[in-house]
Amino acid sequence: MLVIGIAGGTGSGKTTVARSIMNKLGSANVTLISQDNYYLPHSNLTFEERERINYDHPNAFENGLLLQHLSELRNGNSVDIPVYDFSKYARSQETIHIEVKPIVLLEGIHVLTDEELRGALNIKVFVDTDSDVRILRRLSRDINERGRTLQSVFDQYLMTVKPIHDAFIEPSKKYADIIIPEGGENEIGISMLTILIERYMTDRAASYVIG
């Protein structure tokens, strides 16, 4: 199984890149997993307490569970991954069943900041997009899809999103094998990455047959 990590700042276009690759290679061959599904549950906290948590910090994620699920998939076992409800700042009771496929795309802001998680990746990608574009995309997403107010998004960006990006996410770019500027708008970059994945899979299949 080939695991490709796609990192980048909030609103950089990580999901768009991942979905473009899935469309090119086919959903029968590719599974898309979002690191956002692995926010810590915090089921013991009240809504007000959960609301105050810094969800942009690397420690907000249960990477141990994510690594366990990747290991299970590599071993040929399907998994049920958590679903996160952003309107409640909590995990849903629902799960998503993931079957084993040749390629796993793992996208998330901190996919490259964690050393152990980086070690589970075969190809590391960073989507590099201008900060003005990213904040506008986040603003639109959080208001329209996650029920946030303009003021709450603005406050969160200044207090946690930008400082965490500068401290953790931007520096993680140095670990990337491939950097794609402007995210989903970069058709050439996405096509080149898709070709690389296809070649990687062909080479691994050939090595397996020879071995």
C-alpha atoms as a PDB file:
ATOM      1  CA  MET A   1       0.000   0.000   0.000  1.00  0.00           C
ATOM      2  CA  LEU A   2       1.252   3.458  -0.936  1.00  0.00           C
ATOM      3  CA  VAL A   3       0.572   6.207   1.630  1.00  0.00           C
ATOM      4  CA  ILE A   4       0.838   9.814   0.421  1.00  0.00           C
ATOM      5  CA  GLY A   5       0.703  12.641   2.957  1.00  0.00           C
ATOM      6  CA  ILE A   6      -0.652  15.972   1.731  1.00  0.00           C
ATOM      7  CA  ALA A   7       0.042  18.840   4.127  1.00  0.00           C
ATOM      8  CA  GLY A   8      -0.288  22.617   3.995  1.00  0.00           C
ATOM      9  CA  GLY A   9      -1.881  25.511   5.806  1.00  0.00           C
ATOM     10  CA  THR A  10      -5.589  25.915   6.378  1.00  0.00           C
ATOM     11  CA  GLY A  11      -7.399  26.659   3.125  1.00  0.00           C
ATOM     12  CA  SER A  12      -4.338  25.832   1.019  1.00  0.00           C
ATOM     13  CA  GLY A  13      -6.214  23.395  -1.212  1.00  0.00           C
ATOM     14  CA  LYS A  14      -5.049  20.065   0.265  1.00  0.00           C
ATOM     15  CA  THR A  15      -8.439  18.402  -0.125  1.00  0.00           C
ATOM     16  CA  THR A  16      -8.818  19.705  -3.681  1.00  0.00           C
ATOM     17  CA  VAL A  17      -5.432  18.252  -4.613  1.00  0.00           C
ATOM     18  CA  ALA A  18      -6.321  14.920  -2.999  1.00  0.00           C
ATOM     19  CA  ARG A  19      -9.693  14.707  -4.732  1.00  0.00           C
ATOM     20  CA  SER A  20      -8.135  15.587  -8.069  1.00  0.00           C
ATOM     21  CA  ILE A  21      -5.688  12.704  -7.676  1.00  0.00           C
ATOM     22  CA  MET A  22      -8.532  10.384  -6.699  1.00  0.00           C
ATOM     23  CA  ASN A  23     -10.502  11.418  -9.771  1.00  0.00           C
ATOM     24  CA  LYS A  24      -7.519  10.738 -12.021  1.00  0.00           C
ATOM     25  CA  LEU A  25      -6.605   7.370 -10.506  1.00  0.00           C
ATOM     26  CA  GLY A  26     -10.131   6.179  -9.688  1.00  0.00           C
ATOM     27  CA  SER A  27     -11.910   5.664  -6.364  1.00  0.00           C
ATOM     28  CA  ALA A  28     -11.394   1.903  -6.707  1.00  0.00           C
ATOM     29  CA  ASN A  29      -7.655   2.487  -6.272  1.00  0.00           C
ATOM     30  CA  VAL A  30      -7.561   5.405  -3.833  1.00  0.00           C
ATOM     31  CA  THR A  31      -8.779   6.038  -0.281  1.00  0.00           C
ATOM     32  CA  LEU A  32      -8.875   9.589   1.086  1.00  0.00           C
ATOM     33  CA  ILE A  33      -8.450  10.067   4.841  1.00  0.00           C
ATOM     34  CA  SER A  34      -8.538  13.461   6.540  1.00  0.00           C
ATOM     35  CA  GLN A  35      -6.479  14.100   9.649  1.00  0.00           C
ATOM     36  CA  ASP A  36      -9.407  16.243  10.840  1.00  0.00           C
ATOM     37  CA  ASN A  37     -11.300  13.008  11.591  1.00  0.00           C
ATOM     38  CA  TYR A  38      -8.765  12.304  14.313  1.00  0.00           C
ATOM     39  CA  TYR A  39      -9.308  15.312  16.568  1.00  0.00           C
ATOM     40  CA  LEU A  40      -9.234  14.134  20.175  1.00  0.00           C
ATOM     41  CA  PRO A  41     -12.799  13.385  21.386  1.00  0.00           C
ATOM     42  CA  HIS A  42     -12.798  15.438  24.643  1.00  0.00           C
ATOM     43  CA  SER A  43     -16.089  13.760  25.549  1.00  0.00           C
ATOM     44  CA  ASN A  44     -15.544  14.616  29.218  1.00  0.00           C
ATOM     45  CA  LEU A  45     -15.641  18.376  28.557  1.00  0.00           C
ATOM     46  CA  THR A  46     -18.588  20.748  28.229  1.00  0.00           C
ATOM     47  CA  PHE A  47     -19.328  22.480  24.946  1.00  0.00           C
ATOM     48  CA  GLU A  48     -17.912  25.746  26.308  1.00  0.00           C
ATOM     49  CA  GLU A  49     -14.709  24.000  27.376  1.00  0.00           C
ATOM     50  CA  ARG A  50     -14.346  22.236  24.017  1.00  0.00           C
ATOM     51  CA  GLU A  51     -14.938  25.543  22.253  1.00  0.00           C
ATOM     52  CA  ARG A  52     -11.869  27.040  23.938  1.00  0.00           C
ATOM     53  CA  ILE A  53      -9.451  24.296  22.824  1.00  0.00           C
ATOM     54  CA  ASN A  54      -6.730  25.208  20.333  1.00  0.00           C
ATOM     55  CA  TYR A  55      -7.667  22.923  17.446  1.00  0.00           C
ATOM     56  CA  ASP A  56      -4.834  24.194  15.269  1.00  0.00           C
ATOM     57  CA  HIS A  57      -2.116  22.845  17.574  1.00  0.00           C
ATOM     58  CA  PRO A  58      -0.417  19.517  16.709  1.00  0.00           C
ATOM     59  CA  ASN A  59      -1.479  18.087  20.086  1.00  0.00           C
ATOM     60  CA  ALA A  60      -5.165  18.439  19.143  1.00  0.00           C
ATOM     61  CA  PHE A  61      -4.989  15.213  17.103  1.00  0.00           C
ATOM     62  CA  GLU A  62      -5.014  11.559  18.122  1.00  0.00           C
ATOM     63  CA  ASN A  63      -2.172  10.569  15.830  1.00  0.00           C
ATOM     64  CA  GLY A  64      -1.692   7.284  17.679  1.00  0.00           C
ATOM     65  CA  LEU A  65      -5.091   6.084  16.476  1.00  0.00           C
ATOM     66  CA  LEU A  66      -4.364   7.357  12.969  1.00  0.00           C
ATOM     67  CA  LEU A  67      -1.072   5.434  12.860  1.00  0.00           C
ATOM     68  CA  GLN A  68      -2.829   2.332  14.158  1.00  0.00           C
ATOM     69  CA  HIS A  69      -5.389   2.568  11.361  1.00  0.00           C
ATOM     70  CA  LEU A  70      -2.683   3.035   8.716  1.00  0.00           C
ATOM     71  CA  SER A  71      -0.889  -0.022  10.088  1.00  0.00           C
ATOM     72  CA  GLU A  72      -4.104  -2.070   9.943  1.00  0.00           C
ATOM     73  CA  LEU A  73      -4.670  -1.047   6.329  1.00  0.00           C
ATOM     74  CA  ARG A  74      -1.096  -1.973   5.419  1.00  0.00           C
ATOM     75  CA  ASN A  75      -1.710  -5.385   6.953  1.00  0.00           C
ATOM     76  CA  GLY A  76      -4.752  -5.893   4.748  1.00  0.00           C
ATOM     77  CA  ASN A  77      -7.431  -5.136   7.336  1.00  0.00           C
ATOM     78  CA  SER A  78     -10.295  -2.668   6.869  1.00  0.00           C
ATOM     79  CA  VAL A  79     -10.848  -0.029   9.581  1.00  0.00           C
ATOM     80  CA  ASP A  80     -13.621   2.205  10.918  1.00  0.00           C
ATOM     81  CA  ILE A  81     -12.334   5.743  11.293  1.00  0.00           C
ATOM     82  CA  PRO A  82     -13.971   8.404  13.491  1.00  0.00           C
ATOM     83  CA  VAL A  83     -16.164  11.242  12.252  1.00  0.00           C
ATOM     84  CA  TYR A  84     -15.728  14.700  13.757  1.00  0.00           C
ATOM     85  CA  ASP A  85     -18.673  17.071  14.234  1.00  0.00           C
ATOM     86  CA  PHE A  86     -17.265  20.581  13.901  1.00  0.00           C
ATOM     87  CA  SER A  87     -20.498  22.231  15.020  1.00  0.00           C
ATOM     88  CA  LYS A  88     -20.233  20.465  18.398  1.00  0.00           C
ATOM     89  CA  TYR A  89     -16.437  20.345  18.690  1.00  0.00           C
ATOM     90  CA  ALA A  90     -16.782  16.617  19.337  1.00  0.00           C
ATOM     91  CA  ARG A  91     -16.638  13.233  17.689  1.00  0.00           C
ATOM     92  CA  SER A  92     -19.830  11.929  16.211  1.00  0.00           C
ATOM     93  CA  GLN A  93     -21.227   8.522  17.132  1.00  0.00           C
ATOM     94  CA  GLU A  94     -20.837   7.593  13.465  1.00  0.00           C
ATOM     95  CA  THR A  95     -17.759   6.092  11.823  1.00  0.00           C
ATOM     96  CA  ILE A  96     -16.547   5.687   8.234  1.00  0.00           C
ATOM     97  CA  HIS A  97     -15.687   2.201   7.040  1.00  0.00           C
ATOM     98  CA  ILE A  98     -12.445   2.157   5.053  1.00  0.00           C
ATOM     99  CA  GLU A  99     -11.585  -0.798   2.845  1.00  0.00           C
ATOM    100  CA  VAL A 100      -8.051  -1.700   1.810  1.00  0.00           C
ATOM    101  CA  LYS A 101      -6.973  -0.053  -1.468  1.00  0.00           C
ATOM    102  CA  PRO A 102      -3.580   0.309  -3.160  1.00  0.00           C
ATOM    103  CA  ILE A 103      -3.258   4.041  -2.408  1.00  0.00           C
ATOM    104  CA  VAL A 104      -4.099   6.072   0.699  1.00  0.00           C
ATOM    105  CA  LEU A 105      -4.129   9.861   0.528  1.00  0.00           C
ATOM    106  CA  LEU A 106      -3.795  11.385   3.991  1.00  0.00           C
ATOM    107  CA  GLU A 107      -4.458  15.127   4.074  1.00  0.00           C
ATOM    108  CA  GLY A 108      -4.187  17.509   7.011  1.00  0.00           C
ATOM    109  CA  ILE A 109      -2.428  20.594   8.312  1.00  0.00           C
ATOM    110  CA  HIS A 110      -0.090  18.614  10.594  1.00  0.00           C
ATOM    111  CA  VAL A 111       0.595  15.576   8.436  1.00  0.00           C
ATOM    112  CA  LEU A 112       4.280  16.557   8.174  1.00  0.00           C
ATOM    113  CA  THR A 113       4.851  18.071  11.634  1.00  0.00           C
ATOM    114  CA  ASP A 114       4.812  14.736  13.494  1.00  0.00           C
ATOM    115  CA  GLU A 115       7.984  12.651  13.064  1.00  0.00           C
ATOM    116  CA  GLU A 116       6.280   9.296  13.602  1.00  0.00           C
ATOM    117  CA  LEU A 117       3.520  10.167  11.159  1.00  0.00           C
ATOM    118  CA  ARG A 118       6.073  11.274   8.555  1.00  0.00           C
ATOM    119  CA  GLY A 119       7.704   7.877   8.934  1.00  0.00           C
ATOM    120  CA  ALA A 120       4.480   6.190   7.823  1.00  0.00           C
ATOM    121  CA  LEU A 121       4.399   8.118   4.534  1.00  0.00           C
ATOM    122  CA  ASN A 122       5.876   6.946   1.236  1.00  0.00           C
ATOM    123  CA  ILE A 123       5.501  10.330  -0.464  1.00  0.00           C
ATOM    124  CA  LYS A 124       5.283  13.662   1.373  1.00  0.00           C
ATOM    125  CA  VAL A 125       3.562  16.614  -0.317  1.00  0.00           C
ATOM    126  CA  PHE A 126       3.172  20.229   0.809  1.00  0.00           C
ATOM    127  CA  VAL A 127       0.534  22.469  -0.783  1.00  0.00           C
ATOM    128  CA  ASP A 128       1.896  26.022  -0.658  1.00  0.00           C
ATOM    129  CA  THR A 129      -0.709  28.779  -1.075  1.00  0.00           C
ATOM    130  CA  ASP A 130      -0.645  32.516  -0.335  1.00  0.00           C
ATOM    131  CA  SER A 131      -1.924  33.413   3.147  1.00  0.00           C
ATOM    132  CA  ASP A 132      -4.521  35.888   1.827  1.00  0.00           C
ATOM    133  CA  VAL A 133      -6.114  33.170  -0.281  1.00  0.00           C
ATOM    134  CA  ARG A 134      -6.018  30.686   2.586  1.00  0.00           C
ATOM    135  CA  ILE A 135      -7.793  32.913   5.097  1.00  0.00           C
ATOM    136  CA  LEU A 136     -10.530  33.784   2.608  1.00  0.00           C
ATOM    137  CA  ARG A 137     -11.109  30.095   1.910  1.00  0.00           C
ATOM    138  CA  ARG A 138     -11.190  29.282   5.618  1.00  0.00           C
ATOM    139  CA  LEU A 139     -13.603  32.121   6.264  1.00  0.00           C
ATOM    140  CA  SER A 140     -15.990  30.825   3.610  1.00  0.00           C
ATOM    141  CA  ARG A 141     -15.712  27.204   4.784  1.00  0.00           C
ATOM    142  CA  ASP A 142     -16.174  27.853   8.508  1.00  0.00           C
ATOM    143  CA  ILE A 143     -19.178  30.127   8.027  1.00  0.00           C
ATOM    144  CA  ASN A 144     -20.953  28.132   5.315  1.00  0.00           C
ATOM    145  CA  GLU A 145     -20.056  24.578   6.321  1.00  0.00           C
ATOM    146  CA  ARG A 146     -19.328  24.665  10.039  1.00  0.00           C
ATOM    147  CA  GLY A 147     -21.799  27.229  11.321  1.00  0.00           C
ATOM    148  CA  ARG A 148     -19.230  29.700  12.680  1.00  0.00           C
ATOM    149  CA  THR A 149     -19.646  33.460  12.886  1.00  0.00           C
ATOM    150  CA  LEU A 150     -17.431  35.956  11.083  1.00  0.00           C
ATOM    151  CA  GLN A 151     -16.104  37.266  14.394  1.00  0.00           C
ATOM    152  CA  SER A 152     -15.291  33.799  15.749  1.00  0.00           C
ATOM    153  CA  VAL A 153     -13.359  32.897  12.587  1.00  0.00           C
ATOM    154  CA  PHE A 154     -11.488  36.210  12.685  1.00  0.00           C
ATOM    155  CA  ASP A 155     -10.589  35.798  16.384  1.00  0.00           C
ATOM    156  CA  GLN A 156      -9.486  32.200  15.903  1.00  0.00           C
ATOM    157  CA  TYR A 157      -7.274  33.124  12.969  1.00  0.00           C
ATOM    158  CA  LEU A 158      -5.424  35.812  14.928  1.00  0.00           C
ATOM    159  CA  MET A 159      -5.141  33.852  18.187  1.00  0.00           C
ATOM    160  CA  THR A 160      -4.289  30.349  16.974  1.00  0.00           C
ATOM    161  CA  VAL A 161      -4.360  29.743  13.217  1.00  0.00           C
ATOM    162  CA  LYS A 162      -1.638  32.167  12.112  1.00  0.00           C
ATOM    163  CA  PRO A 163       0.720  31.643  15.102  1.00  0.00           C
ATOM    164  CA  ILE A 164       0.470  27.849  14.759  1.00  0.00           C
ATOM    165  CA  HIS A 165       0.999  28.041  11.008  1.00  0.00           C
ATOM    166  CA  ASP A 166       4.146  30.104  11.476  1.00  0.00           C
ATOM    167  CA  ALA A 167       5.472  27.910  14.300  1.00  0.00           C
ATOM    168  CA  PHE A 168       4.679  24.417  13.019  1.00  0.00           C
ATOM    169  CA  ILE A 169       3.092  24.121   9.576  1.00  0.00           C
ATOM    170  CA  GLU A 170       5.301  26.398   7.482  1.00  0.00           C
ATOM    171  CA  PRO A 171       8.519  24.869   8.912  1.00  0.00           C
ATOM    172  CA  SER A 172       7.216  21.364   8.093  1.00  0.00           C
ATOM    173  CA  LYS A 173       7.509  22.234   4.403  1.00  0.00           C
ATOM    174  CA  LYS A 174      11.190  21.256   4.581  1.00  0.00           C
ATOM    175  CA  TYR A 175      10.173  17.607   4.983  1.00  0.00           C
ATOM    176  CA  ALA A 176       8.182  17.540   1.740  1.00  0.00           C
ATOM    177  CA  ASP A 177       9.331  15.520  -1.233  1.00  0.00           C
ATOM    178  CA  ILE A 178       7.097  17.609  -3.499  1.00  0.00           C
ATOM    179  CA  ILE A 179       5.782  21.173  -3.115  1.00  0.00           C
ATOM    180  CA  ILE A 180       2.690  22.161  -5.106  1.00  0.00           C
ATOM    181  CA  PRO A 181       2.161  25.952  -5.288  1.00  0.00           C
ATOM    182  CA  GLU A 182      -1.432  27.248  -5.322  1.00  0.00           C
ATOM    183  CA  GLY A 183      -3.052  23.914  -4.514  1.00  0.00           C
ATOM    184  CA  GLY A 184      -5.997  22.790  -6.611  1.00  0.00           C
ATOM    185  CA  GLU A 185      -5.356  25.534  -9.179  1.00  0.00           C
ATOM    186  CA  ASN A 186      -2.065  23.929 -10.160  1.00  0.00           C
ATOM    187  CA  GLU A 187      -3.167  21.360 -12.735  1.00  0.00           C
ATOM    188  CA  ILE A 188       0.390  20.745 -13.926  1.00  0.00           C
ATOM    189  CA  GLY A 189       1.616  20.033 -10.397  1.00  0.00           C
ATOM    190  CA  ILE A 190      -1.289  17.658  -9.728  1.00  0.00           C
ATOM    191  CA  SER A 191      -0.731  15.856 -13.038  1.00  0.00           C
ATOM    192  CA  MET A 192       2.982  15.432 -12.309  1.00  0.00           C
ATOM    193  CA  LEU A 193       2.204  14.044  -8.840  1.00  0.00           C
ATOM    194  CA  THR A 194      -0.335  11.638 -10.336  1.00  0.00           C
ATOM    195  CA  ILE A 195       2.224  10.398 -12.867  1.00  0.00           C
ATOM    196  CA  LEU A 196       4.764   9.922 -10.053  1.00  0.00           C
ATOM    197  CA  ILE A 197       2.244   7.860  -8.057  1.00  0.00           C
ATOM    198  CA  GLU A 198       1.456   5.684 -11.070  1.00  0.00           C
ATOM    199  CA  ARG A 199       5.177   5.119 -11.725  1.00  0.00           C
ATOM    200  CA  TYR A 200       5.820   4.386  -8.053  1.00  0.00           C
ATOM    201  CA  MET A 201       3.065   1.763  -8.000  1.00  0.00           C
ATOM    202  CA  THR A 202       4.308   0.187 -11.242  1.00  0.00           C
ATOM    203  CA  ASP A 203       7.884  -0.003  -9.937  1.00  0.00           C
ATOM    204  CA  ARG A 204       6.766  -1.530  -6.632  1.00  0.00           C
ATOM    205  CA  ALA A 205       4.621  -4.097  -8.423  1.00  0.00           C
ATOM    206  CA  ALA A 206       7.552  -5.033 -10.650  1.00  0.00           C
ATOM    207  CA  SER A 207       9.871  -5.344  -7.633  1.00  0.00           C
ATOM    208  CA  TYR A 208       7.331  -7.547  -5.883  1.00  0.00           C
ATOM    209  CA  VAL A 209       7.089  -9.888  -8.901  1.00  0.00           C
ATOM    210  CA  ILE A 210      10.872 -10.086  -9.250  1.00  0.00           C
ATOM    211  CA  GLY A 211      11.300 -10.666  -5.522  1.00  0.00           C
END
